[in-house]
Amino acid sequence: MRKENHTFYFSVEGETEKWYLEWLQKIINLDPATAFKVKFDSKIQKNPLARAKQITIIEKIEITHIFDYESSDPVHQKAFQTTLDRMKQSEKLGKAIKYNLGYSNFTFELWMVLHMMDCNGPLTNP
């Protein structure tokens, strides 16, 4: 029996996030217990508005933008707000795109390490 395909769309900040999604797609699709096959359409694109302008779609889709929230320094807060603004702008292009936020505090690489470890307490930005 052939499984139905489901496509999930992402824009990611860098290669690590893209590699992770490629690995996750492979793990999901190798599991015989999954209900359907997944395809992660992920592009390295720091600007969610640029990703939305580049994509050709025929139906409503959701895109998750994965990026790092480096710190509470003003330069990083401004970059975070700019990303949120661009996500909102992308939804006004008339392409039936809904943008979802997926960010990691500090770095995505740290997020991956922490999910492999037994962490018993919070980590905060100094």
N, C-alpha and C. Protein backbone atom coordinates (compact mmCIF):
# COMPACT_ATOMS: atom_id res chain seq x y z
N MET A 1 0.85 -1.19 0.00
CA MET A 1 0.00 0.00 0.00
C MET A 1 0.88 1.24 0.00
N ARG A 2 0.57 2.15 -0.86
CA ARG A 2 1.33 3.38 -1.00
C ARG A 2 0.81 4.43 -0.02
N LYS A 3 1.74 5.09 0.69
CA LYS A 3 1.36 6.11 1.67
C LYS A 3 1.17 7.47 1.00
N GLU A 4 0.24 8.23 1.54
CA GLU A 4 -0.02 9.58 1.08
C GLU A 4 1.16 10.47 1.45
N ASN A 5 1.45 11.47 0.62
CA ASN A 5 2.53 12.41 0.87
C ASN A 5 1.99 13.70 1.47
N HIS A 6 2.69 14.23 2.45
CA HIS A 6 2.37 15.53 3.03
C HIS A 6 3.62 16.41 2.95
N THR A 7 3.45 17.62 2.44
CA THR A 7 4.57 18.54 2.30
C THR A 7 4.48 19.62 3.38
N PHE A 8 5.61 19.89 4.00
CA PHE A 8 5.73 20.94 5.02
C PHE A 8 6.78 21.92 4.54
N TYR A 9 6.48 23.20 4.68
CA TYR A 9 7.35 24.25 4.14
C TYR A 9 8.09 24.97 5.27
N PHE A 10 9.37 25.25 5.00
CA PHE A 10 10.21 25.93 5.97
C PHE A 10 11.10 26.96 5.27
N SER A 11 11.41 28.02 5.99
CA SER A 11 12.55 28.87 5.65
C SER A 11 13.43 28.80 6.89
N VAL A 12 14.72 28.63 6.66
CA VAL A 12 15.64 28.43 7.76
C VAL A 12 16.81 29.40 7.65
N GLU A 13 17.41 29.67 8.79
CA GLU A 13 18.48 30.66 8.86
C GLU A 13 19.80 30.15 8.28
N GLY A 14 20.08 28.86 8.46
CA GLY A 14 21.37 28.38 8.02
C GLY A 14 21.37 26.90 7.66
N GLU A 15 22.55 26.41 7.34
CA GLU A 15 22.70 25.02 6.90
C GLU A 15 22.38 24.01 7.99
N THR A 16 22.70 24.32 9.26
CA THR A 16 22.43 23.37 10.34
C THR A 16 20.95 23.05 10.42
N GLU A 17 20.11 24.07 10.36
CA GLU A 17 18.67 23.86 10.42
C GLU A 17 18.19 23.02 9.23
N LYS A 18 18.70 23.33 8.05
CA LYS A 18 18.33 22.58 6.84
C LYS A 18 18.77 21.12 6.96
N TRP A 19 19.99 20.88 7.41
CA TRP A 19 20.48 19.50 7.59
C TRP A 19 19.62 18.75 8.59
N TYR A 20 19.24 19.42 9.69
CA TYR A 20 18.39 18.78 10.70
C TYR A 20 17.05 18.36 10.08
N LEU A 21 16.43 19.25 9.32
CA LEU A 21 15.14 18.92 8.70
C LEU A 21 15.28 17.78 7.69
N GLU A 22 16.38 17.75 6.95
CA GLU A 22 16.61 16.65 6.02
C GLU A 22 16.75 15.32 6.79
N TRP A 23 17.47 15.35 7.90
CA TRP A 23 17.63 14.16 8.74
C TRP A 23 16.27 13.72 9.29
N LEU A 24 15.50 14.69 9.82
CA LEU A 24 14.20 14.37 10.40
C LEU A 24 13.26 13.78 9.36
N GLN A 25 13.25 14.33 8.17
CA GLN A 25 12.43 13.80 7.09
C GLN A 25 12.80 12.34 6.81
N LYS A 26 14.08 12.07 6.75
CA LYS A 26 14.55 10.70 6.50
C LYS A 26 14.11 9.74 7.60
N ILE A 27 14.27 10.16 8.86
CA ILE A 27 13.89 9.32 10.01
C ILE A 27 12.38 9.02 9.98
N ILE A 28 11.59 10.04 9.71
CA ILE A 28 10.13 9.85 9.67
C ILE A 28 9.76 8.89 8.54
N ASN A 29 10.34 9.10 7.38
CA ASN A 29 9.96 8.29 6.21
C ASN A 29 10.47 6.85 6.29
N LEU A 30 11.50 6.60 7.09
CA LEU A 30 12.00 5.24 7.26
C LEU A 30 11.19 4.43 8.27
N ASP A 31 10.40 5.10 9.07
CA ASP A 31 9.61 4.42 10.10
C ASP A 31 8.38 3.78 9.45
N PRO A 32 8.27 2.47 9.50
CA PRO A 32 7.12 1.81 8.85
C PRO A 32 5.78 2.13 9.53
N ALA A 33 5.82 2.64 10.75
CA ALA A 33 4.58 2.93 11.47
C ALA A 33 3.99 4.30 11.11
N THR A 34 4.69 5.11 10.34
CA THR A 34 4.14 6.44 10.02
C THR A 34 2.91 6.31 9.14
N ALA A 35 1.99 7.22 9.35
CA ALA A 35 0.73 7.19 8.60
C ALA A 35 0.90 7.70 7.18
N PHE A 36 1.90 8.56 6.94
CA PHE A 36 2.12 9.11 5.60
C PHE A 36 3.59 9.49 5.45
N LYS A 37 4.00 9.68 4.21
CA LYS A 37 5.35 10.14 3.89
C LYS A 37 5.37 11.66 4.01
N VAL A 38 6.51 12.20 4.46
CA VAL A 38 6.64 13.65 4.56
C VAL A 38 7.71 14.15 3.61
N LYS A 39 7.49 15.36 3.14
CA LYS A 39 8.49 16.07 2.36
C LYS A 39 8.66 17.43 3.04
N PHE A 40 9.87 17.74 3.43
CA PHE A 40 10.16 19.04 4.01
C PHE A 40 10.78 19.91 2.93
N ASP A 41 10.02 20.88 2.47
CA ASP A 41 10.49 21.84 1.48
C ASP A 41 11.13 22.98 2.27
N SER A 42 12.45 22.89 2.45
CA SER A 42 13.12 23.90 3.26
C SER A 42 14.17 24.63 2.43
N LYS A 43 14.20 25.93 2.59
CA LYS A 43 15.16 26.78 1.89
C LYS A 43 15.91 27.62 2.91
N ILE A 44 17.21 27.74 2.69
CA ILE A 44 18.00 28.64 3.53
C ILE A 44 17.68 30.06 3.07
N GLN A 45 16.97 30.78 3.92
CA GLN A 45 16.53 32.14 3.58
C GLN A 45 16.25 32.88 4.88
N LYS A 46 17.13 33.78 5.25
CA LYS A 46 16.96 34.53 6.50
C LYS A 46 15.75 35.46 6.45
N ASN A 47 15.38 35.87 5.27
CA ASN A 47 14.28 36.81 5.10
C ASN A 47 13.01 36.05 4.69
N PRO A 48 12.05 35.91 5.60
CA PRO A 48 10.82 35.18 5.26
C PRO A 48 10.03 35.81 4.12
N LEU A 49 10.13 37.11 3.96
CA LEU A 49 9.42 37.78 2.86
C LEU A 49 10.01 37.34 1.52
N ALA A 50 11.32 37.21 1.45
CA ALA A 50 11.96 36.75 0.21
C ALA A 50 11.52 35.32 -0.11
N ARG A 51 11.44 34.46 0.89
CA ARG A 51 10.98 33.07 0.68
C ARG A 51 9.57 33.06 0.13
N ALA A 52 8.71 33.88 0.72
CA ALA A 52 7.31 33.93 0.28
C ALA A 52 7.21 34.44 -1.17
N LYS A 53 8.03 35.39 -1.54
CA LYS A 53 8.00 35.91 -2.91
C LYS A 53 8.49 34.89 -3.92
N GLN A 54 9.43 34.03 -3.51
CA GLN A 54 10.04 33.06 -4.42
C GLN A 54 9.18 31.82 -4.66
N ILE A 55 8.34 31.48 -3.71
CA ILE A 55 7.62 30.21 -3.78
C ILE A 55 6.41 30.30 -4.71
N THR A 56 6.22 29.25 -5.49
CA THR A 56 5.06 29.14 -6.36
C THR A 56 4.12 28.11 -5.76
N ILE A 57 2.90 28.54 -5.47
CA ILE A 57 1.92 27.65 -4.83
C ILE A 57 0.59 27.76 -5.55
N ILE A 58 -0.20 26.71 -5.39
CA ILE A 58 -1.54 26.72 -5.99
C ILE A 58 -2.63 26.60 -4.94
N GLU A 59 -2.23 26.39 -3.68
CA GLU A 59 -3.20 26.29 -2.60
C GLU A 59 -2.63 26.96 -1.36
N LYS A 60 -3.45 27.10 -0.36
CA LYS A 60 -3.02 27.71 0.89
C LYS A 60 -1.96 26.83 1.55
N ILE A 61 -0.87 27.46 2.03
CA ILE A 61 0.19 26.73 2.72
C ILE A 61 0.61 27.47 3.98
N GLU A 62 1.27 26.74 4.85
CA GLU A 62 1.90 27.32 6.03
C GLU A 62 3.40 27.11 5.89
N ILE A 63 4.15 28.14 6.21
CA ILE A 63 5.61 28.07 6.22
C ILE A 63 6.07 28.37 7.63
N THR A 64 6.98 27.57 8.13
CA THR A 64 7.57 27.84 9.44
C THR A 64 8.97 28.38 9.23
N HIS A 65 9.21 29.54 9.82
CA HIS A 65 10.53 30.18 9.72
C HIS A 65 11.32 29.85 10.98
N ILE A 66 12.45 29.15 10.81
CA ILE A 66 13.28 28.73 11.94
C ILE A 66 14.55 29.57 11.95
N PHE A 67 14.79 30.23 13.09
CA PHE A 67 15.97 31.08 13.22
C PHE A 67 16.34 31.23 14.69
N ASP A 68 17.48 31.84 14.93
CA ASP A 68 18.00 32.02 16.29
C ASP A 68 17.61 33.39 16.84
N TYR A 69 17.28 33.42 18.12
CA TYR A 69 17.15 34.67 18.88
C TYR A 69 18.39 34.72 19.75
N GLU A 70 19.39 35.43 19.27
CA GLU A 70 20.73 35.37 19.85
C GLU A 70 20.80 35.87 21.30
N SER A 71 20.21 37.03 21.56
CA SER A 71 20.28 37.61 22.91
C SER A 71 19.30 38.77 23.00
N SER A 72 19.27 39.39 24.17
CA SER A 72 18.40 40.55 24.36
C SER A 72 19.12 41.86 24.06
N ASP A 73 20.29 41.79 23.47
CA ASP A 73 20.99 43.01 23.05
C ASP A 73 20.12 43.73 22.02
N PRO A 74 20.18 45.05 22.01
CA PRO A 74 19.34 45.82 21.07
C PRO A 74 19.48 45.39 19.60
N VAL A 75 20.67 45.08 19.17
CA VAL A 75 20.86 44.68 17.77
C VAL A 75 20.13 43.37 17.46
N HIS A 76 20.13 42.43 18.41
CA HIS A 76 19.44 41.17 18.20
C HIS A 76 17.92 41.33 18.35
N GLN A 77 17.48 42.20 19.25
CA GLN A 77 16.05 42.47 19.38
C GLN A 77 15.51 43.08 18.09
N LYS A 78 16.28 44.00 17.51
CA LYS A 78 15.87 44.65 16.26
C LYS A 78 15.78 43.62 15.13
N ALA A 79 16.77 42.73 15.06
CA ALA A 79 16.75 41.69 14.02
C ALA A 79 15.55 40.77 14.20
N PHE A 80 15.23 40.41 15.43
CA PHE A 80 14.08 39.56 15.73
C PHE A 80 12.79 40.25 15.29
N GLN A 81 12.63 41.52 15.64
CA GLN A 81 11.43 42.27 15.27
C GLN A 81 11.33 42.42 13.76
N THR A 82 12.44 42.64 13.09
CA THR A 82 12.44 42.75 11.63
C THR A 82 11.94 41.46 11.00
N THR A 83 12.39 40.33 11.53
CA THR A 83 11.93 39.04 11.03
C THR A 83 10.43 38.88 11.22
N LEU A 84 9.92 39.24 12.40
CA LEU A 84 8.47 39.15 12.64
C LEU A 84 7.71 40.04 11.67
N ASP A 85 8.21 41.26 11.43
CA ASP A 85 7.56 42.18 10.50
C ASP A 85 7.53 41.60 9.08
N ARG A 86 8.62 40.97 8.67
CA ARG A 86 8.67 40.38 7.33
C ARG A 86 7.73 39.18 7.21
N MET A 87 7.56 38.44 8.29
CA MET A 87 6.61 37.34 8.27
C MET A 87 5.19 37.88 8.05
N LYS A 88 4.85 38.96 8.74
CA LYS A 88 3.53 39.57 8.56
C LYS A 88 3.36 40.09 7.14
N GLN A 89 4.39 40.73 6.60
CA GLN A 89 4.33 41.26 5.24
C GLN A 89 4.12 40.15 4.22
N SER A 90 4.72 38.99 4.47
CA SER A 90 4.61 37.88 3.52
C SER A 90 3.18 37.37 3.41
N GLU A 91 2.41 37.52 4.48
CA GLU A 91 1.03 37.06 4.47
C GLU A 91 0.12 38.01 3.69
N LYS A 92 0.65 39.18 3.31
CA LYS A 92 -0.14 40.17 2.58
C LYS A 92 0.20 40.20 1.09
N LEU A 93 0.92 39.19 0.60
CA LEU A 93 1.31 39.14 -0.81
C LEU A 93 0.20 38.62 -1.72
N GLY A 94 -0.86 38.10 -1.12
CA GLY A 94 -1.94 37.54 -1.92
C GLY A 94 -1.66 36.12 -2.39
N LYS A 95 -0.76 35.43 -1.70
CA LYS A 95 -0.39 34.07 -2.08
C LYS A 95 -0.97 33.00 -1.15
N ALA A 96 -1.84 33.33 -0.25
CA ALA A 96 -2.44 32.38 0.69
C ALA A 96 -1.36 31.67 1.52
N ILE A 97 -0.44 32.45 2.05
CA ILE A 97 0.63 31.93 2.89
C ILE A 97 0.39 32.36 4.33
N LYS A 98 0.50 31.41 5.24
CA LYS A 98 0.50 31.72 6.67
C LYS A 98 1.89 31.37 7.17
N TYR A 99 2.53 32.34 7.83
CA TYR A 99 3.87 32.11 8.36
C TYR A 99 3.79 31.79 9.84
N ASN A 100 4.49 30.74 10.26
CA ASN A 100 4.61 30.35 11.66
C ASN A 100 6.02 30.65 12.15
N LEU A 101 6.13 30.95 13.41
CA LEU A 101 7.41 31.29 14.03
C LEU A 101 8.01 30.07 14.70
N GLY A 102 9.26 29.81 14.42
CA GLY A 102 10.00 28.75 15.09
C GLY A 102 11.39 29.26 15.39
N TYR A 103 11.64 29.65 16.62
CA TYR A 103 12.96 30.19 16.92
C TYR A 103 13.56 29.49 18.13
N SER A 104 14.87 29.55 18.19
CA SER A 104 15.58 28.98 19.32
C SER A 104 16.35 30.09 20.02
N ASN A 105 16.30 30.07 21.34
CA ASN A 105 17.12 31.02 22.10
C ASN A 105 18.58 30.60 21.95
N PHE A 106 19.44 31.55 21.81
CA PHE A 106 20.87 31.34 21.55
C PHE A 106 21.05 30.80 20.13
N THR A 107 21.24 29.50 19.98
CA THR A 107 21.47 28.95 18.66
C THR A 107 20.71 27.64 18.48
N PHE A 108 20.43 27.32 17.25
CA PHE A 108 19.76 26.07 16.93
C PHE A 108 20.62 24.88 17.33
N GLU A 109 21.93 25.03 17.17
CA GLU A 109 22.85 23.95 17.54
C GLU A 109 22.73 23.61 19.02
N LEU A 110 22.61 24.62 19.88
CA LEU A 110 22.43 24.39 21.31
C LEU A 110 21.10 23.68 21.57
N TRP A 111 20.06 24.07 20.87
CA TRP A 111 18.76 23.43 21.00
C TRP A 111 18.89 21.94 20.73
N MET A 112 19.63 21.57 19.67
CA MET A 112 19.79 20.16 19.32
C MET A 112 20.55 19.41 20.42
N VAL A 113 21.61 20.01 20.95
CA VAL A 113 22.40 19.37 22.01
C VAL A 113 21.54 19.16 23.25
N LEU A 114 20.79 20.19 23.63
CA LEU A 114 19.97 20.09 24.84
C LEU A 114 18.87 19.04 24.72
N HIS A 115 18.39 18.79 23.54
CA HIS A 115 17.36 17.76 23.36
C HIS A 115 17.95 16.36 23.39
N MET A 116 19.26 16.28 23.35
CA MET A 116 19.93 14.98 23.46
C MET A 116 20.44 14.72 24.88
N MET A 117 20.35 15.74 25.74
CA MET A 117 20.87 15.63 27.10
C MET A 117 19.73 15.64 28.11
N ASP A 118 20.03 15.19 29.31
CA ASP A 118 19.10 15.28 30.42
C ASP A 118 19.39 16.59 31.14
N CYS A 119 18.58 17.60 30.90
CA CYS A 119 18.81 18.92 31.51
C CYS A 119 17.81 19.10 32.67
N ASN A 120 18.33 19.43 33.82
CA ASN A 120 17.48 19.52 35.00
C ASN A 120 17.21 20.96 35.46
N GLY A 121 17.65 21.92 34.69
CA GLY A 121 17.42 23.30 35.11
C GLY A 121 17.40 24.23 33.92
N PRO A 122 16.90 25.44 34.11
CA PRO A 122 16.82 26.39 33.01
C PRO A 122 18.19 26.97 32.67
N LEU A 123 18.32 27.36 31.42
CA LEU A 123 19.50 28.07 30.96
C LEU A 123 19.02 29.43 30.50
N THR A 124 19.72 30.46 30.91
CA THR A 124 19.33 31.80 30.52
C THR A 124 20.50 32.55 29.94
N ASN A 125 20.19 33.61 29.23
CA ASN A 125 21.20 34.47 28.66
C ASN A 125 21.78 35.36 29.75
N PRO A 126 23.12 35.40 29.90
CA PRO A 126 23.71 36.23 30.98
C PRO A 126 23.49 37.71 30.74
